[in-house]
């Protein structure tokens, strides 16, 4: 996939075309820290399905996504997103989730 800015890639990751979505997700993961601002914005502002996608991408990024910890932690209390946020935090390895 051609080089697109992270915000555009995140929109493409929500495509109903599986090939487009998967390519965009892969590019976001490979973009590493460059993609964090767009993903963090999605955590704060997007609809729940888009938030879930951002959470999953951040988890797949692993430790490079550690700066997103502050945006993920509040989602632990969300009945729809909480488990995914916990899983992402574990994959990012930011330390204990329960306080």
N, C-alpha and C. Protein backbone atom coordinates (compact mmCIF):
# COMPACT_ATOMS: atom_id res chain seq x y z
N UNK A 1 0.86 -1.18 0.00
CA UNK A 1 0.00 0.00 0.00
C UNK A 1 0.89 1.23 0.00
N UNK A 2 0.52 2.21 -0.76
CA UNK A 2 1.29 3.45 -0.82
C UNK A 2 1.34 4.10 0.55
N UNK A 3 2.29 4.97 0.74
CA UNK A 3 2.45 5.64 2.03
C UNK A 3 1.36 6.70 2.21
N UNK A 4 0.54 6.49 3.23
CA UNK A 4 -0.52 7.43 3.58
C UNK A 4 -0.26 7.92 5.00
N UNK A 5 -0.74 9.12 5.35
CA UNK A 5 -0.61 9.57 6.73
C UNK A 5 -1.42 8.67 7.66
N UNK A 6 -1.00 8.56 8.93
CA UNK A 6 -1.68 7.65 9.86
C UNK A 6 -3.19 7.89 9.99
N UNK A 7 -3.63 9.14 9.96
CA UNK A 7 -5.07 9.40 10.05
C UNK A 7 -5.84 8.79 8.89
N UNK A 8 -5.27 8.91 7.70
CA UNK A 8 -5.90 8.31 6.52
C UNK A 8 -5.85 6.79 6.60
N UNK A 9 -4.74 6.26 7.08
CA UNK A 9 -4.64 4.80 7.23
C UNK A 9 -5.68 4.27 8.21
N UNK A 10 -5.92 5.03 9.30
CA UNK A 10 -6.92 4.57 10.27
C UNK A 10 -8.31 4.54 9.64
N UNK A 11 -8.62 5.53 8.83
CA UNK A 11 -9.91 5.51 8.12
C UNK A 11 -9.98 4.32 7.17
N UNK A 12 -8.88 4.04 6.48
CA UNK A 12 -8.84 2.90 5.57
C UNK A 12 -8.95 1.58 6.33
N UNK A 13 -8.43 1.54 7.55
CA UNK A 13 -8.50 0.33 8.36
C UNK A 13 -9.94 -0.03 8.72
N UNK A 14 -10.84 0.94 8.62
CA UNK A 14 -12.25 0.71 8.92
C UNK A 14 -13.05 0.35 7.67
N UNK A 15 -12.36 0.15 6.57
CA UNK A 15 -13.01 -0.17 5.30
C UNK A 15 -13.77 -1.49 5.38
N UNK A 16 -14.85 -1.57 4.63
CA UNK A 16 -15.59 -2.83 4.53
C UNK A 16 -14.91 -3.80 3.58
N UNK A 17 -13.91 -3.32 2.86
CA UNK A 17 -13.12 -4.19 1.98
C UNK A 17 -12.01 -4.80 2.83
N UNK A 18 -12.06 -6.11 3.09
CA UNK A 18 -11.08 -6.74 3.98
C UNK A 18 -9.63 -6.54 3.55
N UNK A 19 -9.36 -6.56 2.26
CA UNK A 19 -7.98 -6.40 1.79
C UNK A 19 -7.46 -4.99 2.10
N UNK A 20 -8.30 -3.99 1.89
CA UNK A 20 -7.91 -2.61 2.18
C UNK A 20 -7.71 -2.44 3.68
N UNK A 21 -8.66 -2.94 4.47
CA UNK A 21 -8.57 -2.81 5.92
C UNK A 21 -7.31 -3.48 6.45
N UNK A 22 -7.04 -4.71 6.02
CA UNK A 22 -5.87 -5.44 6.52
C UNK A 22 -4.57 -4.76 6.12
N UNK A 23 -4.49 -4.26 4.91
CA UNK A 23 -3.28 -3.56 4.47
C UNK A 23 -3.06 -2.30 5.29
N UNK A 24 -4.12 -1.57 5.57
CA UNK A 24 -4.01 -0.34 6.36
C UNK A 24 -3.61 -0.65 7.79
N UNK A 25 -4.19 -1.70 8.37
CA UNK A 25 -3.84 -2.10 9.74
C UNK A 25 -2.36 -2.47 9.79
N UNK A 26 -1.92 -3.25 8.83
CA UNK A 26 -0.51 -3.65 8.77
C UNK A 26 0.40 -2.43 8.67
N UNK A 27 0.04 -1.47 7.83
CA UNK A 27 0.84 -0.26 7.68
C UNK A 27 0.86 0.55 8.98
N UNK A 28 -0.27 0.62 9.68
CA UNK A 28 -0.31 1.34 10.96
C UNK A 28 0.62 0.69 11.97
N UNK A 29 0.57 -0.63 12.06
CA UNK A 29 1.44 -1.34 13.00
C UNK A 29 2.90 -1.09 12.67
N UNK A 30 3.23 -1.17 11.39
CA UNK A 30 4.61 -0.95 10.96
C UNK A 30 5.06 0.50 11.12
N UNK A 31 4.11 1.42 11.12
CA UNK A 31 4.45 2.84 11.29
C UNK A 31 4.95 3.15 12.69
N UNK A 32 4.61 2.29 13.64
CA UNK A 32 5.10 2.47 15.01
C UNK A 32 4.66 3.78 15.62
N UNK A 33 5.60 4.46 16.25
CA UNK A 33 5.28 5.67 17.01
C UNK A 33 4.68 6.78 16.14
N UNK A 34 4.95 6.75 14.85
CA UNK A 34 4.37 7.76 13.94
C UNK A 34 2.84 7.67 13.92
N UNK A 35 2.30 6.48 14.15
CA UNK A 35 0.85 6.28 14.10
C UNK A 35 0.16 6.58 15.43
N UNK A 36 0.92 6.72 16.50
CA UNK A 36 0.31 6.88 17.83
C UNK A 36 -0.65 8.06 17.93
N UNK A 37 -0.32 9.26 17.46
CA UNK A 37 -1.28 10.37 17.62
C UNK A 37 -2.65 10.08 17.00
N UNK A 38 -2.68 9.48 15.82
CA UNK A 38 -3.97 9.18 15.18
C UNK A 38 -4.74 8.13 15.96
N UNK A 39 -4.03 7.14 16.49
CA UNK A 39 -4.70 6.08 17.25
C UNK A 39 -5.17 6.61 18.60
N UNK A 40 -4.37 7.44 19.24
CA UNK A 40 -4.78 8.04 20.51
C UNK A 40 -5.99 8.95 20.32
N UNK A 41 -6.02 9.68 19.24
CA UNK A 41 -7.18 10.53 18.94
C UNK A 41 -8.43 9.66 18.78
N UNK A 42 -8.29 8.54 18.10
CA UNK A 42 -9.43 7.64 17.92
C UNK A 42 -9.93 7.11 19.26
N UNK A 43 -9.03 6.83 20.18
CA UNK A 43 -9.44 6.35 21.50
C UNK A 43 -10.30 7.38 22.22
N UNK A 44 -9.99 8.65 22.02
CA UNK A 44 -10.70 9.72 22.72
C UNK A 44 -11.96 10.18 22.01
N UNK A 45 -12.00 10.09 20.68
CA UNK A 45 -13.05 10.77 19.93
C UNK A 45 -13.92 9.89 19.05
N UNK A 46 -13.50 8.69 18.76
CA UNK A 46 -14.19 7.87 17.77
C UNK A 46 -15.38 7.12 18.37
N UNK A 47 -16.19 6.57 17.49
CA UNK A 47 -17.29 5.69 17.90
C UNK A 47 -16.69 4.41 18.49
N UNK A 48 -17.46 3.69 19.31
CA UNK A 48 -16.93 2.49 19.97
C UNK A 48 -16.27 1.46 19.05
N UNK A 49 -16.83 1.21 17.89
CA UNK A 49 -16.22 0.23 16.99
C UNK A 49 -14.85 0.69 16.51
N UNK A 50 -14.72 1.97 16.23
CA UNK A 50 -13.42 2.52 15.81
C UNK A 50 -12.45 2.53 16.99
N UNK A 51 -12.96 2.82 18.19
CA UNK A 51 -12.12 2.76 19.38
C UNK A 51 -11.57 1.34 19.57
N UNK A 52 -12.43 0.35 19.39
CA UNK A 52 -12.00 -1.04 19.53
C UNK A 52 -10.89 -1.37 18.53
N UNK A 53 -11.04 -0.92 17.32
CA UNK A 53 -10.01 -1.16 16.31
C UNK A 53 -8.70 -0.49 16.73
N UNK A 54 -8.76 0.74 17.21
CA UNK A 54 -7.55 1.44 17.65
C UNK A 54 -6.89 0.68 18.80
N UNK A 55 -7.69 0.19 19.73
CA UNK A 55 -7.17 -0.58 20.86
C UNK A 55 -6.44 -1.82 20.35
N UNK A 56 -7.05 -2.53 19.44
CA UNK A 56 -6.44 -3.75 18.91
C UNK A 56 -5.14 -3.45 18.17
N UNK A 57 -5.11 -2.38 17.42
CA UNK A 57 -3.88 -2.00 16.70
C UNK A 57 -2.79 -1.63 17.70
N UNK A 58 -3.13 -0.87 18.72
CA UNK A 58 -2.14 -0.50 19.73
C UNK A 58 -1.58 -1.74 20.42
N UNK A 59 -2.44 -2.69 20.74
CA UNK A 59 -1.96 -3.93 21.34
C UNK A 59 -1.01 -4.67 20.43
N UNK A 60 -1.33 -4.70 19.15
CA UNK A 60 -0.48 -5.39 18.18
C UNK A 60 0.86 -4.69 18.01
N UNK A 61 0.91 -3.41 18.31
CA UNK A 61 2.17 -2.66 18.19
C UNK A 61 3.14 -3.02 19.30
N UNK A 62 2.62 -3.51 20.42
CA UNK A 62 3.49 -3.89 21.53
C UNK A 62 4.07 -2.68 22.25
N UNK A 63 5.29 -2.84 22.81
CA UNK A 63 5.87 -1.80 23.65
C UNK A 63 6.01 -0.43 23.00
N UNK A 64 6.08 -0.36 21.69
CA UNK A 64 6.18 0.95 21.03
C UNK A 64 4.95 1.81 21.32
N UNK A 65 3.84 1.18 21.70
CA UNK A 65 2.60 1.90 21.97
C UNK A 65 2.49 2.37 23.42
N UNK A 66 3.54 2.22 24.21
CA UNK A 66 3.49 2.61 25.62
C UNK A 66 3.00 4.04 25.84
N UNK A 67 3.33 5.02 24.99
CA UNK A 67 2.81 6.37 25.20
C UNK A 67 1.27 6.45 25.19
N UNK A 68 0.60 5.45 24.67
CA UNK A 68 -0.87 5.45 24.63
C UNK A 68 -1.48 4.92 25.92
N UNK A 69 -0.66 4.51 26.88
CA UNK A 69 -1.17 3.96 28.13
C UNK A 69 -2.19 4.88 28.79
N UNK A 70 -1.90 6.16 28.85
CA UNK A 70 -2.80 7.10 29.53
C UNK A 70 -4.16 7.18 28.84
N UNK A 71 -4.21 6.92 27.55
CA UNK A 71 -5.48 6.94 26.83
C UNK A 71 -6.21 5.60 26.95
N UNK A 72 -5.47 4.52 27.17
CA UNK A 72 -6.09 3.20 27.28
C UNK A 72 -6.66 2.94 28.67
N UNK A 73 -5.97 3.36 29.71
CA UNK A 73 -6.39 3.03 31.08
C UNK A 73 -7.84 3.43 31.40
N UNK A 74 -8.31 4.62 31.03
CA UNK A 74 -9.71 4.96 31.35
C UNK A 74 -10.72 4.00 30.69
N UNK A 75 -10.33 3.38 29.60
CA UNK A 75 -11.23 2.48 28.90
C UNK A 75 -11.39 1.14 29.61
N UNK A 76 -10.57 0.88 30.62
CA UNK A 76 -10.70 -0.37 31.37
C UNK A 76 -12.07 -0.47 32.03
N UNK A 77 -12.68 0.66 32.35
CA UNK A 77 -13.98 0.67 33.02
C UNK A 77 -15.16 0.58 32.05
N UNK A 78 -14.88 0.67 30.77
CA UNK A 78 -15.94 0.64 29.76
C UNK A 78 -16.44 -0.80 29.57
N UNK A 79 -17.76 -1.02 29.67
CA UNK A 79 -18.27 -2.39 29.54
C UNK A 79 -18.03 -3.02 28.17
N UNK A 80 -17.93 -2.21 27.13
CA UNK A 80 -17.72 -2.72 25.78
C UNK A 80 -16.24 -2.85 25.44
N UNK A 81 -15.44 -1.91 25.92
CA UNK A 81 -14.04 -1.83 25.51
C UNK A 81 -13.05 -2.29 26.58
N UNK A 82 -13.52 -2.51 27.79
CA UNK A 82 -12.62 -2.79 28.91
C UNK A 82 -11.71 -3.98 28.73
N UNK A 83 -12.25 -5.11 28.29
CA UNK A 83 -11.42 -6.30 28.12
C UNK A 83 -10.39 -6.11 27.02
N UNK A 84 -10.78 -5.48 25.94
CA UNK A 84 -9.83 -5.21 24.85
C UNK A 84 -8.73 -4.27 25.33
N UNK A 85 -9.09 -3.26 26.12
CA UNK A 85 -8.09 -2.34 26.66
C UNK A 85 -7.12 -3.08 27.57
N UNK A 86 -7.64 -3.97 28.41
CA UNK A 86 -6.78 -4.77 29.29
C UNK A 86 -5.83 -5.64 28.48
N UNK A 87 -6.35 -6.28 27.45
CA UNK A 87 -5.51 -7.11 26.59
C UNK A 87 -4.41 -6.27 25.93
N UNK A 88 -4.78 -5.10 25.44
CA UNK A 88 -3.79 -4.23 24.78
C UNK A 88 -2.72 -3.79 25.77
N UNK A 89 -3.14 -3.40 26.97
CA UNK A 89 -2.16 -2.99 27.97
C UNK A 89 -1.21 -4.13 28.32
N UNK A 90 -1.73 -5.34 28.39
CA UNK A 90 -0.85 -6.49 28.65
C UNK A 90 0.14 -6.68 27.52
N UNK A 91 -0.31 -6.53 26.29
CA UNK A 91 0.58 -6.71 25.14
C UNK A 91 1.61 -5.59 25.05
N UNK A 92 1.23 -4.42 25.50
CA UNK A 92 2.16 -3.29 25.51
C UNK A 92 3.15 -3.45 26.67
N UNK A 93 2.75 -4.25 27.66
CA UNK A 93 3.59 -4.53 28.83
C UNK A 93 3.92 -3.27 29.62
N UNK A 94 2.88 -2.59 30.03
CA UNK A 94 3.05 -1.35 30.78
C UNK A 94 3.07 -1.57 32.29
N UNK A 95 2.98 -2.80 32.72
CA UNK A 95 2.96 -3.09 34.14
C UNK A 95 1.60 -3.58 34.58
N UNK A 96 1.37 -3.67 35.88
CA UNK A 96 0.10 -4.21 36.37
C UNK A 96 -1.08 -3.33 35.98
N UNK A 97 -2.16 -3.99 35.61
CA UNK A 97 -3.36 -3.26 35.20
C UNK A 97 -4.22 -2.89 36.40
N UNK A 98 -4.39 -3.83 37.33
CA UNK A 98 -5.20 -3.57 38.52
C UNK A 98 -4.42 -2.66 39.47
N UNK A 99 -5.12 -1.70 40.03
CA UNK A 99 -4.46 -0.78 40.97
C UNK A 99 -5.06 -0.93 42.34
